[in-house]
Protein backbone atom coordinates (compact mmCIF):
# COMPACT_ATOMS: atom_id res chain seq x y z
CA MET A 1 65.82 52.41 87.06
CA SER A 2 67.07 55.79 85.91
CA LYS A 3 63.60 57.38 86.45
CA PHE A 4 63.59 56.21 90.02
CA LEU A 5 66.97 57.81 90.68
CA ARG A 6 65.80 61.08 89.16
CA LEU A 7 62.76 61.15 91.43
CA LEU A 8 64.91 60.62 94.48
CA ILE A 9 67.24 63.37 93.50
CA LEU A 10 64.33 65.72 92.80
CA ALA A 11 62.74 64.92 96.16
CA GLY A 12 66.04 65.67 97.79
CA VAL A 13 66.20 69.09 96.13
CA LEU A 14 62.70 69.96 97.30
CA LEU A 15 63.45 69.38 100.98
CA PRO A 16 63.85 72.59 102.99
CA SER A 17 67.32 73.27 104.19
CA ILE A 18 67.57 72.52 107.94
CA ALA A 19 70.82 72.60 109.85
CA LEU A 20 71.32 69.22 111.53
CA ALA A 21 73.84 68.57 114.28
CA ASP A 22 76.53 66.12 113.36
CA THR A 23 76.61 63.05 115.55
CA THR A 24 79.28 60.41 115.62
CA THR A 25 78.85 56.95 117.00
CA ARG A 26 81.96 54.94 117.68
CA ILE A 27 81.78 51.24 118.35
CA SER A 28 84.87 49.50 119.59
CA ALA A 29 85.25 45.73 119.53
CA THR A 30 87.95 43.21 120.20
CA ILE A 31 87.83 40.28 117.88
CA MET A 32 89.81 37.34 119.11
CA THR A 33 90.61 34.20 117.15
CA SER A 34 92.54 32.70 120.02
CA SER A 35 91.72 29.56 121.91
CA CYS A 36 93.42 28.08 124.96
CA GLN A 37 94.72 24.68 125.90
CA GLY A 38 95.42 23.84 129.49
CA ILE A 39 98.07 21.41 130.77
CA ILE A 40 99.26 20.46 134.24
CA SER A 41 103.03 20.65 134.62
CA THR A 42 105.16 19.89 137.65
CA GLU A 43 108.15 22.00 136.62
CA GLY A 44 106.94 24.93 134.58
CA ALA A 45 106.59 24.47 130.84
CA ARG A 46 109.09 21.60 130.52
CA GLY A 47 108.22 19.27 133.40
CA THR A 48 106.06 16.19 133.73
CA VAL A 49 102.76 16.89 132.00
CA GLY A 50 99.40 15.78 133.31
CA ARG A 51 100.17 14.48 136.79
CA VAL A 52 101.77 15.27 140.12
CA ASP A 53 103.80 12.30 141.44
CA PHE A 54 104.85 12.21 145.09
CA GLY A 55 106.99 9.10 144.60
CA ALA A 56 107.60 6.48 147.30
CA ILE A 57 106.75 7.66 150.80
CA ASN A 58 107.73 6.06 154.11
CA PRO A 59 104.92 6.67 156.64
CA LYS A 60 107.39 6.16 159.54
CA PHE A 61 109.04 9.48 158.80
CA ARG A 62 105.70 11.29 158.73
CA ASN A 63 107.08 13.96 156.43
CA ALA A 64 105.59 13.66 152.96
CA PRO A 65 107.14 15.74 150.22
CA VAL A 66 105.55 18.94 148.98
CA LYS A 67 105.17 19.26 145.22
CA MET A 68 104.79 22.39 143.15
CA PHE A 69 102.74 22.28 139.99
CA SER A 70 101.17 24.66 137.48
CA LEU A 71 98.15 24.91 135.28
CA ILE A 72 99.59 26.32 132.07
CA LEU A 73 97.52 27.91 129.29
CA LYS A 74 98.81 28.06 125.72
CA GLU A 75 97.18 28.86 122.42
CA PHE A 76 98.64 25.71 120.87
CA GLU A 77 101.05 23.02 122.01
CA SER A 78 104.36 24.62 120.98
CA ALA A 79 103.31 28.20 121.72
CA GLU A 80 104.69 30.46 124.41
CA ILE A 81 102.86 30.43 127.77
CA GLY A 82 99.86 32.77 127.67
CA CYS A 83 96.51 33.09 126.01
CA ARG A 84 95.24 36.14 124.08
CA ALA A 85 91.64 34.93 124.35
CA PHE A 86 91.42 36.84 127.65
CA ASP A 87 92.44 40.18 126.07
CA ALA A 88 88.79 40.81 125.17
CA TYR A 89 87.98 40.93 128.89
CA ALA A 90 91.03 42.86 130.08
CA HIS A 91 89.27 46.25 130.02
CA THR A 92 86.53 45.13 132.41
CA ASP A 93 86.48 44.33 136.10
CA ALA A 94 85.64 40.73 135.31
CA VAL A 95 87.30 37.84 137.05
CA VAL A 96 88.11 34.36 135.85
CA ILE A 97 86.89 31.50 138.00
CA LEU A 98 88.84 28.30 138.52
CA ILE A 99 86.68 25.50 139.91
CA PHE A 100 88.18 22.34 141.42
CA GLY A 101 86.38 19.02 141.48
CA ASP A 102 83.86 17.06 139.44
CA LEU A 103 80.10 17.47 139.28
CA ASN A 104 79.55 14.27 141.29
CA ASN A 105 81.43 15.72 144.29
CA GLY A 106 83.55 12.57 144.49
CA GLN A 107 87.02 14.06 144.04
CA LEU A 108 87.12 16.30 147.13
CA ASP A 109 86.08 16.20 150.75
CA GLU A 110 86.67 18.63 153.60
CA GLN A 111 90.33 17.55 153.97
CA GLY A 112 91.31 17.91 150.31
CA VAL A 113 91.60 15.65 147.27
CA VAL A 114 90.39 12.11 147.97
CA THR A 115 92.82 9.27 147.18
CA HIS A 116 92.11 5.60 146.50
CA TYR A 117 94.12 2.38 146.59
CA GLU A 118 94.52 0.43 143.39
CA ASP A 119 91.67 -1.92 144.38
CA GLY A 120 89.27 1.07 144.56
CA ARG A 121 89.09 1.42 148.33
CA ARG A 122 89.24 4.94 149.71
CA SER A 123 92.52 5.83 151.41
CA PRO A 124 92.85 8.09 154.48
CA ILE A 125 95.49 10.19 152.66
CA ARG A 126 94.35 13.50 151.27
CA ILE A 127 96.13 15.90 148.96
CA ARG A 128 95.95 19.54 149.98
CA ILE A 129 96.25 22.00 147.13
CA SER A 130 96.96 25.69 147.80
CA PRO A 131 97.44 28.49 145.29
CA THR A 132 100.85 30.19 145.41
CA ASN A 133 100.07 33.18 143.14
CA SER A 134 99.28 36.31 145.14
CA ASP A 135 96.53 37.12 142.58
CA ALA A 136 94.48 34.06 143.59
CA HIS A 137 91.59 34.56 146.00
CA PHE A 138 89.19 31.97 147.35
CA ALA A 139 85.55 32.82 146.78
CA THR A 140 84.91 32.40 150.51
CA ASP A 141 87.23 34.35 152.80
CA THR A 142 86.51 32.34 155.98
CA ALA A 143 87.44 28.95 154.52
CA PRO A 144 90.86 27.28 154.83
CA LYS A 145 93.53 28.35 152.39
CA PHE A 146 93.49 25.02 150.57
CA VAL A 147 91.01 23.40 148.22
CA THR A 148 88.18 21.38 149.78
CA GLN A 149 84.75 20.27 148.72
CA GLY A 150 83.19 23.34 150.26
CA ASN A 151 86.07 25.64 149.29
CA ASN A 152 86.72 24.80 145.65
CA ILE A 153 86.47 28.13 143.80
CA LEU A 154 89.39 30.45 143.13
CA LEU A 155 89.06 33.91 141.56
CA TYR A 156 91.72 35.52 139.38
CA PRO A 157 91.91 38.93 137.68
CA VAL A 158 91.53 38.63 133.92
CA ASN A 159 94.86 40.30 133.14
CA PHE A 160 96.63 37.73 135.34
CA THR A 161 94.84 34.86 133.59
CA GLY A 162 96.03 35.99 130.15
CA ARG A 163 99.62 35.42 131.24
CA GLY A 164 98.75 31.75 131.33
CA GLN A 165 100.34 30.26 134.45
CA PHE A 166 98.53 29.35 137.69
CA ASN A 167 100.87 27.99 140.39
CA PHE A 168 99.99 25.60 143.21
CA GLN A 169 101.48 23.65 146.04
CA ALA A 170 100.35 20.09 146.75
CA SER A 171 101.02 18.36 150.04
CA LEU A 172 99.85 15.09 151.66
CA VAL A 173 98.08 14.71 154.99
CA ASN A 174 97.29 11.60 157.08
CA VAL A 175 100.35 9.79 155.66
CA GLU A 176 100.85 7.87 158.91
CA MET A 177 97.42 6.24 158.49
CA ALA A 178 97.99 4.78 155.01
CA GLU A 179 98.51 1.14 154.12
CA ALA A 180 101.33 0.05 151.81
CA GLY A 181 100.43 0.29 148.12
CA LYS A 182 99.86 2.67 145.24
CA LEU A 183 97.50 5.58 145.82
CA ILE A 184 95.77 7.65 143.16
CA GLY A 185 93.78 10.87 143.38
CA THR A 186 92.09 12.64 140.50
CA LEU A 187 91.06 16.26 140.30
CA THR A 188 89.16 18.13 137.58
CA LEU A 189 89.87 21.83 136.98
CA THR A 190 87.36 23.97 135.15
CA LEU A 191 88.15 27.49 133.99
CA VAL A 192 85.07 29.74 133.70
CA TYR A 193 84.84 33.28 132.22
CA GLN A 194 82.11 35.34 130.64
């Protein structure tokens, strides 16, 4: 092993002396160990989690309540609102995409979120969901300003997304056409970023 090292040193001494330009390569990277959990909350971080409840509605009055709700991102359950996982994308012009509805296209139609009676029949009532954050933009500019089957993609700047709170307004339409009974609507939200 020592002979091999001597040969290398000797070969290095025999090389002609040439002035080489110094070059420096800098590689920057952001390493994130963060992950995000999403919850639906009707009153910020402390409200009802997982559902939006309109309560009992009298169709005679034809004025259904409007409910505010949020999609909240946290790194773990008891953490502050926000998610550092998006910091890696903050220096780019990338956007985060929020997609509403399931792959089977059964949760939305052109009026909003589809509701069903307890026996499974489809109800005429629809839930209209509109973003209330000024940073939210629908992918199609000509569509209505609420979520429908054909208008189910919202775009957000990455730096907004990292703050961890997406706010929405939910309202009911066609209340006067409903039968008495309990109504349920389900909506899937998928957050996509690259």
